Amino acid sequence: MAVVSTDLLASQARLLADMIETLPVSLAPIDQHARCRDLLAQLERALTALPAAALG
């Protein structure tokens, strides 16, 4: 099983937050919306794979 990096998760979460924040003024909102959905799916899979020991 691959080790999930909490630093990578945090980085991806910040990227997603930035993308969501700028979505209303995006030049390509449909593409950005799709990318946000992809990032959400990636974060969901990564969080599911995160070992319980990493949570506390």
N, C-alpha and C. Protein backbone atom coordinates (compact mmCIF):
# COMPACT_ATOMS: atom_id res chain seq x y z
N MET A 1 0.84 -1.19 0.00
CA MET A 1 0.00 0.00 0.00
C MET A 1 0.88 1.25 0.00
N ALA A 2 0.52 2.20 -0.79
CA ALA A 2 1.29 3.43 -0.88
C ALA A 2 1.08 4.28 0.36
N VAL A 3 2.12 4.94 0.77
CA VAL A 3 2.03 5.84 1.91
C VAL A 3 1.45 7.17 1.44
N VAL A 4 0.46 7.64 2.15
CA VAL A 4 -0.18 8.90 1.81
C VAL A 4 0.51 10.02 2.59
N SER A 5 0.96 11.03 1.91
CA SER A 5 1.64 12.16 2.54
C SER A 5 0.62 13.19 3.01
N THR A 6 0.64 13.48 4.30
CA THR A 6 -0.27 14.51 4.80
C THR A 6 0.10 15.88 4.26
N ASP A 7 1.38 16.09 3.95
CA ASP A 7 1.80 17.36 3.34
C ASP A 7 1.19 17.50 1.95
N LEU A 8 1.17 16.41 1.19
CA LEU A 8 0.57 16.44 -0.14
C LEU A 8 -0.93 16.69 -0.03
N LEU A 9 -1.58 16.05 0.93
CA LEU A 9 -3.01 16.28 1.14
C LEU A 9 -3.28 17.74 1.45
N ALA A 10 -2.49 18.31 2.33
CA ALA A 10 -2.67 19.72 2.70
C ALA A 10 -2.45 20.62 1.49
N SER A 11 -1.45 20.32 0.70
CA SER A 11 -1.17 21.11 -0.49
C SER A 11 -2.33 21.04 -1.49
N GLN A 12 -2.85 19.84 -1.71
CA GLN A 12 -3.96 19.67 -2.64
C GLN A 12 -5.22 20.37 -2.11
N ALA A 13 -5.43 20.31 -0.79
CA ALA A 13 -6.59 20.97 -0.20
C ALA A 13 -6.49 22.49 -0.36
N ARG A 14 -5.28 23.05 -0.18
CA ARG A 14 -5.10 24.49 -0.39
C ARG A 14 -5.34 24.87 -1.85
N LEU A 15 -4.84 24.04 -2.76
CA LEU A 15 -5.07 24.28 -4.19
C LEU A 15 -6.56 24.28 -4.50
N LEU A 16 -7.27 23.30 -3.97
CA LEU A 16 -8.71 23.22 -4.18
C LEU A 16 -9.40 24.46 -3.62
N ALA A 17 -9.04 24.87 -2.41
CA ALA A 17 -9.64 26.06 -1.80
C ALA A 17 -9.41 27.30 -2.67
N ASP A 18 -8.19 27.44 -3.18
CA ASP A 18 -7.88 28.58 -4.06
C ASP A 18 -8.73 28.54 -5.33
N MET A 19 -8.86 27.35 -5.90
CA MET A 19 -9.63 27.21 -7.13
C MET A 19 -11.11 27.51 -6.89
N ILE A 20 -11.64 27.06 -5.77
CA ILE A 20 -13.05 27.32 -5.45
C ILE A 20 -13.26 28.81 -5.23
N GLU A 21 -12.31 29.44 -4.55
CA GLU A 21 -12.42 30.88 -4.27
C GLU A 21 -12.43 31.71 -5.54
N THR A 22 -11.66 31.29 -6.54
CA THR A 22 -11.57 32.07 -7.78
C THR A 22 -12.56 31.61 -8.85
N LEU A 23 -13.33 30.59 -8.55
CA LEU A 23 -14.28 30.05 -9.54
C LEU A 23 -15.24 31.10 -10.09
N PRO A 24 -15.79 32.00 -9.25
CA PRO A 24 -16.74 32.99 -9.80
C PRO A 24 -16.13 33.94 -10.83
N VAL A 25 -14.81 34.14 -10.82
CA VAL A 25 -14.19 35.07 -11.76
C VAL A 25 -13.29 34.35 -12.77
N SER A 26 -13.41 33.05 -12.81
CA SER A 26 -12.57 32.26 -13.71
C SER A 26 -12.90 32.55 -15.17
N LEU A 27 -11.86 32.50 -16.01
CA LEU A 27 -12.06 32.67 -17.45
C LEU A 27 -12.63 31.41 -18.09
N ALA A 28 -12.46 30.27 -17.41
CA ALA A 28 -12.97 28.99 -17.91
C ALA A 28 -13.65 28.25 -16.75
N PRO A 29 -14.81 28.77 -16.30
CA PRO A 29 -15.43 28.20 -15.11
C PRO A 29 -15.82 26.73 -15.24
N ILE A 30 -16.21 26.31 -16.42
CA ILE A 30 -16.60 24.90 -16.59
C ILE A 30 -15.38 24.00 -16.42
N ASP A 31 -14.26 24.40 -17.02
CA ASP A 31 -13.03 23.61 -16.86
C ASP A 31 -12.55 23.63 -15.42
N GLN A 32 -12.63 24.79 -14.78
CA GLN A 32 -12.18 24.90 -13.40
C GLN A 32 -13.09 24.08 -12.47
N HIS A 33 -14.38 24.10 -12.75
CA HIS A 33 -15.32 23.31 -11.97
C HIS A 33 -14.98 21.82 -12.09
N ALA A 34 -14.69 21.38 -13.29
CA ALA A 34 -14.31 19.97 -13.50
C ALA A 34 -13.03 19.63 -12.76
N ARG A 35 -12.07 20.53 -12.78
CA ARG A 35 -10.81 20.31 -12.06
C ARG A 35 -11.04 20.25 -10.55
N CYS A 36 -11.93 21.09 -10.04
CA CYS A 36 -12.28 21.06 -8.62
C CYS A 36 -12.89 19.70 -8.26
N ARG A 37 -13.76 19.21 -9.11
CA ARG A 37 -14.38 17.90 -8.85
C ARG A 37 -13.33 16.80 -8.86
N ASP A 38 -12.38 16.87 -9.78
CA ASP A 38 -11.29 15.90 -9.83
C ASP A 38 -10.45 15.94 -8.55
N LEU A 39 -10.12 17.15 -8.11
CA LEU A 39 -9.34 17.30 -6.88
C LEU A 39 -10.10 16.76 -5.67
N LEU A 40 -11.41 17.00 -5.62
CA LEU A 40 -12.21 16.47 -4.53
C LEU A 40 -12.18 14.94 -4.51
N ALA A 41 -12.29 14.34 -5.68
CA ALA A 41 -12.25 12.89 -5.77
C ALA A 41 -10.88 12.36 -5.33
N GLN A 42 -9.81 13.04 -5.74
CA GLN A 42 -8.46 12.62 -5.34
C GLN A 42 -8.29 12.74 -3.83
N LEU A 43 -8.77 13.84 -3.26
CA LEU A 43 -8.66 14.03 -1.81
C LEU A 43 -9.48 12.97 -1.06
N GLU A 44 -10.64 12.65 -1.57
CA GLU A 44 -11.46 11.63 -0.93
C GLU A 44 -10.74 10.28 -0.91
N ARG A 45 -10.17 9.89 -2.05
CA ARG A 45 -9.43 8.63 -2.11
C ARG A 45 -8.22 8.64 -1.18
N ALA A 46 -7.51 9.76 -1.15
CA ALA A 46 -6.32 9.86 -0.31
C ALA A 46 -6.68 9.82 1.17
N LEU A 47 -7.76 10.50 1.54
CA LEU A 47 -8.18 10.48 2.95
C LEU A 47 -8.64 9.10 3.37
N THR A 48 -9.28 8.39 2.47
CA THR A 48 -9.71 7.03 2.76
C THR A 48 -8.50 6.12 2.98
N ALA A 49 -7.44 6.37 2.23
CA ALA A 49 -6.23 5.55 2.34
C ALA A 49 -5.33 5.95 3.49
N LEU A 50 -5.60 7.11 4.07
CA LEU A 50 -4.75 7.62 5.16
C LEU A 50 -4.86 6.70 6.37
N PRO A 51 -3.72 6.25 6.90
CA PRO A 51 -3.76 5.38 8.07
C PRO A 51 -4.33 6.10 9.29
N ALA A 52 -5.05 5.39 10.12
CA ALA A 52 -5.68 5.98 11.30
C ALA A 52 -4.63 6.62 12.22
N ALA A 53 -3.43 6.07 12.24
CA ALA A 53 -2.37 6.61 13.11
C ALA A 53 -1.99 8.03 12.71
N ALA A 54 -2.19 8.40 11.44
CA ALA A 54 -1.84 9.73 10.98
C ALA A 54 -2.86 10.77 11.44
N LEU A 55 -4.01 10.31 11.89
CA LEU A 55 -5.07 11.24 12.28
C LEU A 55 -5.00 11.68 13.73
N GLY A 56 -4.11 11.11 14.47
CA GLY A 56 -4.04 11.59 15.84
C GLY A 56 -3.21 10.73 16.67
